[in-house]
Amino acid sequence: MKQSVIQIKFESDKYHALKRYAVKKEVSVEQELEETLHRLYKKLVPVDVREYIEENEEPEKERKAKAKKPEKEEVIHECISGIKQDS
């Protein structure tokens, strides 16, 4: 699904302190913010709307999977198979 960038203002001193102590506790501020946004999304967005959005995500994932380039191993296997058939 397409991603959006969210920017917020926060007092610099508090942000620097947050980053400093997050590193000490081995916590990612970005990851914590993402988790908080997901909780807020589930809290505020009605279930039927979330289900609708999720249903629309699935066809997009399927299109991307079909358009995905073959893995290196698949290409190598196909080349080897082609060589064996030529022999």
Protein backbone atom coordinates (compact mmCIF):
# COMPACT_ATOMS: atom_id res chain seq x y z
CA MET A 1 0.00 0.00 0.00
CA LYS A 2 1.17 3.51 -0.71
CA GLN A 3 2.87 5.12 2.28
CA SER A 4 2.38 8.68 3.56
CA VAL A 5 4.95 10.74 5.43
CA ILE A 6 3.77 12.36 8.64
CA GLN A 7 5.61 15.32 10.11
CA ILE A 8 4.92 16.74 13.56
CA LYS A 9 6.44 19.48 15.66
CA PHE A 10 7.92 18.54 19.01
CA GLU A 11 10.13 20.54 21.39
CA SER A 12 13.76 19.97 20.43
CA ASP A 13 15.05 19.41 23.97
CA LYS A 14 12.38 16.81 24.63
CA TYR A 15 13.07 15.10 21.30
CA HIS A 16 16.81 14.89 21.97
CA ALA A 17 16.14 13.46 25.44
CA LEU A 18 13.69 10.97 23.93
CA LYS A 19 16.23 9.82 21.34
CA ARG A 20 18.98 9.56 23.96
CA TYR A 21 16.98 7.36 26.32
CA ALA A 22 15.44 5.34 23.53
CA VAL A 23 18.94 4.34 22.42
CA LYS A 24 19.84 3.37 26.00
CA LYS A 25 16.74 1.16 26.17
CA GLU A 26 17.37 -0.13 22.64
CA VAL A 27 14.02 1.19 21.43
CA SER A 28 13.35 2.78 18.04
CA VAL A 29 11.41 6.03 18.33
CA GLU A 30 10.15 5.54 14.77
CA GLN A 31 8.94 2.00 15.53
CA GLU A 32 7.18 3.19 18.69
CA LEU A 33 5.47 5.96 16.72
CA GLU A 34 4.35 3.49 14.04
CA GLU A 35 2.89 1.17 16.68
CA THR A 36 1.10 4.10 18.32
CA LEU A 37 -0.35 5.15 14.95
CA HIS A 38 -1.61 1.62 14.33
CA ARG A 39 -3.33 1.59 17.74
CA LEU A 40 -4.87 5.01 17.04
CA TYR A 41 -6.03 3.81 13.61
CA LYS A 42 -7.73 0.76 15.14
CA LYS A 43 -9.28 2.90 17.85
CA LEU A 44 -10.70 5.61 15.58
CA VAL A 45 -11.40 3.99 12.19
CA PRO A 46 -14.58 1.87 12.14
CA VAL A 47 -14.11 -1.87 11.55
CA ASP A 48 -16.05 -1.87 8.27
CA VAL A 49 -13.82 0.87 6.85
CA ARG A 50 -10.66 -1.00 7.93
CA GLU A 51 -11.99 -4.19 6.31
CA TYR A 52 -12.72 -2.31 3.08
CA ILE A 53 -9.19 -0.92 3.01
CA GLU A 54 -7.70 -4.36 3.70
CA GLU A 55 -9.77 -5.94 0.91
CA ASN A 56 -8.42 -3.36 -1.54
CA GLU A 57 -4.84 -4.10 -0.41
CA GLU A 58 -5.03 -7.77 -1.40
CA PRO A 59 -5.54 -7.27 -5.18
CA GLU A 60 -2.66 -4.77 -5.16
CA LYS A 61 -0.37 -7.34 -3.50
CA GLU A 62 -1.43 -9.97 -6.05
CA ARG A 63 -0.63 -7.60 -8.96
CA LYS A 64 2.79 -6.90 -7.50
CA ALA A 65 3.47 -10.60 -6.99
CA LYS A 66 2.62 -11.33 -10.64
CA ALA A 67 4.76 -8.47 -11.89
CA LYS A 68 7.68 -9.47 -9.64
CA LYS A 69 10.82 -10.50 -11.45
CA PRO A 70 11.79 -14.15 -11.10
CA GLU A 71 14.32 -14.99 -8.40
CA LYS A 72 17.92 -15.68 -9.43
CA GLU A 73 17.49 -19.33 -8.47
CA GLU A 74 14.46 -19.63 -10.76
CA VAL A 75 16.36 -18.09 -13.68
CA ILE A 76 19.36 -20.38 -13.09
CA HIS A 77 17.08 -23.42 -12.88
CA GLU A 78 15.37 -22.44 -16.14
CA CYS A 79 18.76 -21.99 -17.84
CA ILE A 80 19.99 -25.38 -16.61
CA SER A 81 16.75 -27.01 -17.72
CA GLY A 82 17.14 -25.44 -21.15
CA ILE A 83 20.72 -26.72 -21.44
CA LYS A 84 19.68 -30.26 -20.47
CA GLN A 85 16.92 -30.25 -23.09
CA ASP A 86 19.37 -29.10 -25.79
CA SER A 87 21.77 -31.96 -24.98
